[in-house]
Amino acid sequence: MKNQFGFISKPYITEKVLFLNEDQNKVVFKIDRTVNKIELKKAIESIFNVTVEAINTLNVRGKKKRLGKWEGRRGDWKKAIVTLKEGDTIEYFEGA
């Protein structure tokens, strides 16, 4: 098994994510592109001591960027939308 602390890159915080957190008790993370939902669920439950009800994952394509005449792309990444059990919270999202 892989290192479970390496699965989660960082929390993804936007205005839309904050509304999801308040209304539907969902949190969003940037995760490793090779991890699956089962491994991610075990990792989140053990790291944050919460109960995960559902996980939705999606691959996000990197944006095209330009610098003068050169064109490149940002890297692709994977996003996980995690639904927590009613009453469970992750403190990192509470202060935002």
N, C-alpha and C. Protein backbone atom coordinates (compact mmCIF):
# COMPACT_ATOMS: atom_id res chain seq x y z
N MET A 1 0.84 -1.19 0.00
CA MET A 1 0.00 0.00 0.00
C MET A 1 0.88 1.25 0.00
N LYS A 2 0.42 2.28 -0.66
CA LYS A 2 1.14 3.53 -0.73
C LYS A 2 1.03 4.29 0.59
N ASN A 3 1.85 5.33 0.73
CA ASN A 3 1.79 6.18 1.91
C ASN A 3 0.53 7.02 1.86
N GLN A 4 -0.35 6.87 2.85
CA GLN A 4 -1.64 7.56 2.82
C GLN A 4 -1.52 9.07 2.98
N PHE A 5 -0.42 9.55 3.58
CA PHE A 5 -0.24 10.98 3.73
C PHE A 5 0.16 11.64 2.41
N GLY A 6 0.63 10.86 1.46
CA GLY A 6 1.02 11.40 0.17
C GLY A 6 -0.13 11.51 -0.82
N PHE A 7 -1.30 10.94 -0.48
CA PHE A 7 -2.45 10.98 -1.37
C PHE A 7 -3.00 12.39 -1.52
N ILE A 8 -3.08 13.13 -0.43
CA ILE A 8 -3.73 14.44 -0.42
C ILE A 8 -2.67 15.51 -0.59
N SER A 9 -2.73 16.27 -1.68
CA SER A 9 -1.76 17.34 -1.90
C SER A 9 -2.07 18.53 -1.02
N LYS A 10 -3.30 19.06 -1.15
CA LYS A 10 -3.71 20.20 -0.35
C LYS A 10 -5.22 20.37 -0.47
N PRO A 11 -5.83 21.08 0.47
CA PRO A 11 -7.26 21.37 0.32
C PRO A 11 -7.48 22.38 -0.78
N TYR A 12 -8.59 22.28 -1.43
CA TYR A 12 -8.94 23.18 -2.52
C TYR A 12 -10.05 24.08 -2.01
N ILE A 13 -9.75 25.37 -1.86
CA ILE A 13 -10.70 26.29 -1.26
C ILE A 13 -11.06 27.38 -2.25
N THR A 14 -12.33 27.43 -2.62
CA THR A 14 -12.89 28.50 -3.43
C THR A 14 -14.21 28.92 -2.77
N GLU A 15 -14.83 29.94 -3.31
CA GLU A 15 -16.09 30.40 -2.76
C GLU A 15 -17.17 29.32 -2.91
N LYS A 16 -17.17 28.64 -4.03
CA LYS A 16 -18.15 27.58 -4.27
C LYS A 16 -17.96 26.42 -3.28
N VAL A 17 -16.70 26.08 -3.00
CA VAL A 17 -16.40 25.00 -2.06
C VAL A 17 -16.86 25.36 -0.66
N LEU A 18 -16.71 26.61 -0.27
CA LEU A 18 -17.17 27.04 1.05
C LEU A 18 -18.68 26.91 1.19
N PHE A 19 -19.42 27.22 0.12
CA PHE A 19 -20.87 27.03 0.15
C PHE A 19 -21.23 25.55 0.23
N LEU A 20 -20.50 24.71 -0.48
CA LEU A 20 -20.73 23.25 -0.40
C LEU A 20 -20.47 22.75 1.02
N ASN A 21 -19.45 23.29 1.67
CA ASN A 21 -19.12 22.88 3.03
C ASN A 21 -20.23 23.26 3.99
N GLU A 22 -20.78 24.47 3.87
CA GLU A 22 -21.83 24.92 4.77
C GLU A 22 -23.15 24.19 4.53
N ASP A 23 -23.54 24.06 3.27
CA ASP A 23 -24.86 23.52 2.94
C ASP A 23 -24.93 22.00 2.96
N GLN A 24 -23.91 21.33 2.38
CA GLN A 24 -24.00 19.89 2.16
C GLN A 24 -22.93 19.09 2.88
N ASN A 25 -22.11 19.75 3.71
CA ASN A 25 -21.06 19.09 4.49
C ASN A 25 -20.07 18.35 3.58
N LYS A 26 -19.61 19.06 2.52
CA LYS A 26 -18.64 18.49 1.58
C LYS A 26 -17.35 19.29 1.66
N VAL A 27 -16.22 18.59 1.47
CA VAL A 27 -14.91 19.22 1.41
C VAL A 27 -14.22 18.76 0.12
N VAL A 28 -13.30 19.59 -0.37
CA VAL A 28 -12.65 19.30 -1.65
C VAL A 28 -11.14 19.33 -1.46
N PHE A 29 -10.46 18.34 -2.05
CA PHE A 29 -9.02 18.22 -1.96
C PHE A 29 -8.42 18.06 -3.34
N LYS A 30 -7.18 18.57 -3.53
CA LYS A 30 -6.36 18.18 -4.67
C LYS A 30 -5.64 16.91 -4.25
N ILE A 31 -5.70 15.89 -5.09
CA ILE A 31 -5.14 14.59 -4.69
C ILE A 31 -4.18 14.09 -5.77
N ASP A 32 -3.47 13.01 -5.43
CA ASP A 32 -2.58 12.34 -6.37
C ASP A 32 -3.41 11.72 -7.48
N ARG A 33 -2.91 11.79 -8.72
CA ARG A 33 -3.68 11.31 -9.86
C ARG A 33 -3.80 9.80 -9.93
N THR A 34 -2.99 9.05 -9.16
CA THR A 34 -3.02 7.60 -9.26
C THR A 34 -3.89 6.94 -8.19
N VAL A 35 -4.38 7.69 -7.24
CA VAL A 35 -5.12 7.11 -6.12
C VAL A 35 -6.57 6.82 -6.53
N ASN A 36 -7.14 5.75 -5.98
CA ASN A 36 -8.54 5.44 -6.25
C ASN A 36 -9.41 5.81 -5.05
N LYS A 37 -10.71 5.66 -5.18
CA LYS A 37 -11.64 6.12 -4.15
C LYS A 37 -11.52 5.32 -2.86
N ILE A 38 -11.26 4.04 -2.95
CA ILE A 38 -11.17 3.19 -1.76
C ILE A 38 -9.97 3.58 -0.92
N GLU A 39 -8.81 3.75 -1.55
CA GLU A 39 -7.61 4.18 -0.83
C GLU A 39 -7.79 5.57 -0.24
N LEU A 40 -8.42 6.45 -0.99
CA LEU A 40 -8.63 7.82 -0.52
C LEU A 40 -9.57 7.86 0.69
N LYS A 41 -10.61 7.05 0.67
CA LYS A 41 -11.55 7.00 1.79
C LYS A 41 -10.84 6.54 3.06
N LYS A 42 -10.05 5.49 2.96
CA LYS A 42 -9.31 5.00 4.13
C LYS A 42 -8.34 6.05 4.66
N ALA A 43 -7.67 6.76 3.74
CA ALA A 43 -6.70 7.77 4.14
C ALA A 43 -7.37 8.94 4.86
N ILE A 44 -8.47 9.44 4.31
CA ILE A 44 -9.15 10.58 4.93
C ILE A 44 -9.73 10.21 6.28
N GLU A 45 -10.30 9.01 6.38
CA GLU A 45 -10.87 8.59 7.66
C GLU A 45 -9.80 8.43 8.74
N SER A 46 -8.63 7.95 8.37
CA SER A 46 -7.59 7.75 9.37
C SER A 46 -6.86 9.05 9.72
N ILE A 47 -6.66 9.95 8.76
CA ILE A 47 -5.94 11.18 9.02
C ILE A 47 -6.79 12.17 9.82
N PHE A 48 -8.05 12.38 9.40
CA PHE A 48 -8.89 13.41 9.99
C PHE A 48 -9.89 12.89 11.03
N ASN A 49 -9.97 11.58 11.25
CA ASN A 49 -10.89 10.97 12.21
C ASN A 49 -12.34 11.38 11.95
N VAL A 50 -12.78 11.22 10.71
CA VAL A 50 -14.15 11.51 10.31
C VAL A 50 -14.70 10.29 9.58
N THR A 51 -16.00 10.27 9.34
CA THR A 51 -16.64 9.21 8.58
C THR A 51 -17.02 9.75 7.21
N VAL A 52 -16.54 9.09 6.17
CA VAL A 52 -16.80 9.51 4.79
C VAL A 52 -17.99 8.74 4.26
N GLU A 53 -18.98 9.49 3.74
CA GLU A 53 -20.16 8.84 3.16
C GLU A 53 -19.98 8.57 1.67
N ALA A 54 -19.40 9.54 0.93
CA ALA A 54 -19.24 9.37 -0.52
C ALA A 54 -18.05 10.19 -0.99
N ILE A 55 -17.47 9.75 -2.11
CA ILE A 55 -16.37 10.47 -2.74
C ILE A 55 -16.63 10.54 -4.24
N ASN A 56 -16.55 11.76 -4.78
CA ASN A 56 -16.62 11.97 -6.22
C ASN A 56 -15.27 12.51 -6.66
N THR A 57 -14.69 11.90 -7.70
CA THR A 57 -13.40 12.36 -8.20
C THR A 57 -13.55 12.81 -9.64
N LEU A 58 -12.71 13.77 -10.04
CA LEU A 58 -12.68 14.20 -11.42
C LEU A 58 -11.29 14.67 -11.78
N ASN A 59 -10.91 14.42 -13.03
CA ASN A 59 -9.63 14.86 -13.55
C ASN A 59 -9.80 16.24 -14.17
N VAL A 60 -8.93 17.16 -13.76
CA VAL A 60 -8.99 18.53 -14.25
C VAL A 60 -7.82 18.73 -15.21
N ARG A 61 -8.11 19.20 -16.40
CA ARG A 61 -7.07 19.45 -17.39
C ARG A 61 -6.41 20.78 -17.11
N GLY A 62 -5.11 20.86 -17.34
CA GLY A 62 -4.37 22.09 -17.13
C GLY A 62 -4.71 23.14 -18.17
N LYS A 63 -4.65 24.40 -17.75
CA LYS A 63 -4.97 25.49 -18.66
C LYS A 63 -3.80 25.79 -19.60
N LYS A 64 -4.12 26.29 -20.78
CA LYS A 64 -3.09 26.77 -21.70
C LYS A 64 -2.64 28.14 -21.23
N LYS A 65 -1.34 28.35 -21.19
CA LYS A 65 -0.80 29.64 -20.80
C LYS A 65 0.21 30.09 -21.84
N ARG A 66 0.39 31.39 -21.95
CA ARG A 66 1.26 31.97 -22.94
C ARG A 66 2.21 32.94 -22.29
N LEU A 67 3.45 32.95 -22.74
CA LEU A 67 4.43 33.93 -22.31
C LEU A 67 5.13 34.43 -23.58
N GLY A 68 4.66 35.58 -24.08
CA GLY A 68 5.19 36.08 -25.35
C GLY A 68 4.79 35.17 -26.49
N LYS A 69 5.77 34.70 -27.22
CA LYS A 69 5.45 33.82 -28.35
C LYS A 69 5.43 32.35 -27.95
N TRP A 70 5.83 32.02 -26.73
CA TRP A 70 5.84 30.63 -26.28
C TRP A 70 4.53 30.27 -25.62
N GLU A 71 4.08 29.08 -25.94
CA GLU A 71 2.83 28.60 -25.37
C GLU A 71 3.09 27.31 -24.62
N GLY A 72 2.48 27.18 -23.47
CA GLY A 72 2.64 25.97 -22.68
C GLY A 72 1.35 25.64 -21.98
N ARG A 73 1.44 24.64 -21.11
CA ARG A 73 0.25 24.23 -20.35
C ARG A 73 0.62 24.00 -18.91
N ARG A 74 -0.31 24.28 -18.03
CA ARG A 74 -0.15 23.90 -16.64
C ARG A 74 -0.42 22.41 -16.54
N GLY A 75 0.01 21.81 -15.45
CA GLY A 75 -0.16 20.38 -15.30
C GLY A 75 -1.59 19.96 -15.01
N ASP A 76 -1.94 18.76 -15.43
CA ASP A 76 -3.24 18.19 -15.11
C ASP A 76 -3.24 17.77 -13.64
N TRP A 77 -4.42 17.76 -13.01
CA TRP A 77 -4.52 17.35 -11.62
C TRP A 77 -5.87 16.70 -11.37
N LYS A 78 -6.02 16.11 -10.20
CA LYS A 78 -7.22 15.38 -9.85
C LYS A 78 -7.86 16.01 -8.63
N LYS A 79 -9.18 16.11 -8.64
CA LYS A 79 -9.92 16.74 -7.56
C LYS A 79 -10.86 15.71 -6.94
N ALA A 80 -10.99 15.73 -5.62
CA ALA A 80 -11.89 14.82 -4.91
C ALA A 80 -12.87 15.64 -4.09
N ILE A 81 -14.17 15.40 -4.30
CA ILE A 81 -15.22 16.03 -3.51
C ILE A 81 -15.69 14.97 -2.52
N VAL A 82 -15.47 15.23 -1.22
CA VAL A 82 -15.72 14.25 -0.17
C VAL A 82 -16.93 14.68 0.63
N THR A 83 -17.94 13.81 0.72
CA THR A 83 -19.12 14.06 1.54
C THR A 83 -18.90 13.42 2.89
N LEU A 84 -18.98 14.23 3.95
CA LEU A 84 -18.78 13.73 5.31
C LEU A 84 -20.11 13.41 5.96
N LYS A 85 -20.06 12.54 6.97
CA LYS A 85 -21.25 12.18 7.73
C LYS A 85 -21.75 13.41 8.48
N GLU A 86 -23.05 13.49 8.66
CA GLU A 86 -23.66 14.61 9.37
C GLU A 86 -23.05 14.75 10.76
N GLY A 87 -22.57 15.94 11.08
CA GLY A 87 -21.95 16.19 12.38
C GLY A 87 -20.43 16.14 12.36
N ASP A 88 -19.83 15.49 11.37
CA ASP A 88 -18.36 15.45 11.25
C ASP A 88 -17.87 16.70 10.53
N THR A 89 -16.74 17.22 10.97
CA THR A 89 -16.14 18.37 10.32
C THR A 89 -14.63 18.20 10.27
N ILE A 90 -14.00 18.95 9.39
CA ILE A 90 -12.55 19.04 9.32
C ILE A 90 -12.21 20.48 9.67
N GLU A 91 -11.38 20.67 10.70
CA GLU A 91 -11.14 22.01 11.24
C GLU A 91 -10.51 22.95 10.22
N TYR A 92 -9.76 22.45 9.28
CA TYR A 92 -9.10 23.32 8.31
C TYR A 92 -10.10 24.15 7.54
N PHE A 93 -11.28 23.58 7.24
CA PHE A 93 -12.28 24.28 6.46
C PHE A 93 -13.16 25.18 7.33
N GLU A 94 -13.14 24.99 8.63
CA GLU A 94 -14.00 25.79 9.52
C GLU A 94 -13.51 27.22 9.63
N GLY A 95 -12.22 27.48 9.57
CA GLY A 95 -11.69 28.83 9.71
C GLY A 95 -11.76 29.65 8.44
N ALA A 96 -12.05 29.01 7.32
CA ALA A 96 -12.04 29.74 6.02
C ALA A 96 -13.31 30.51 5.82
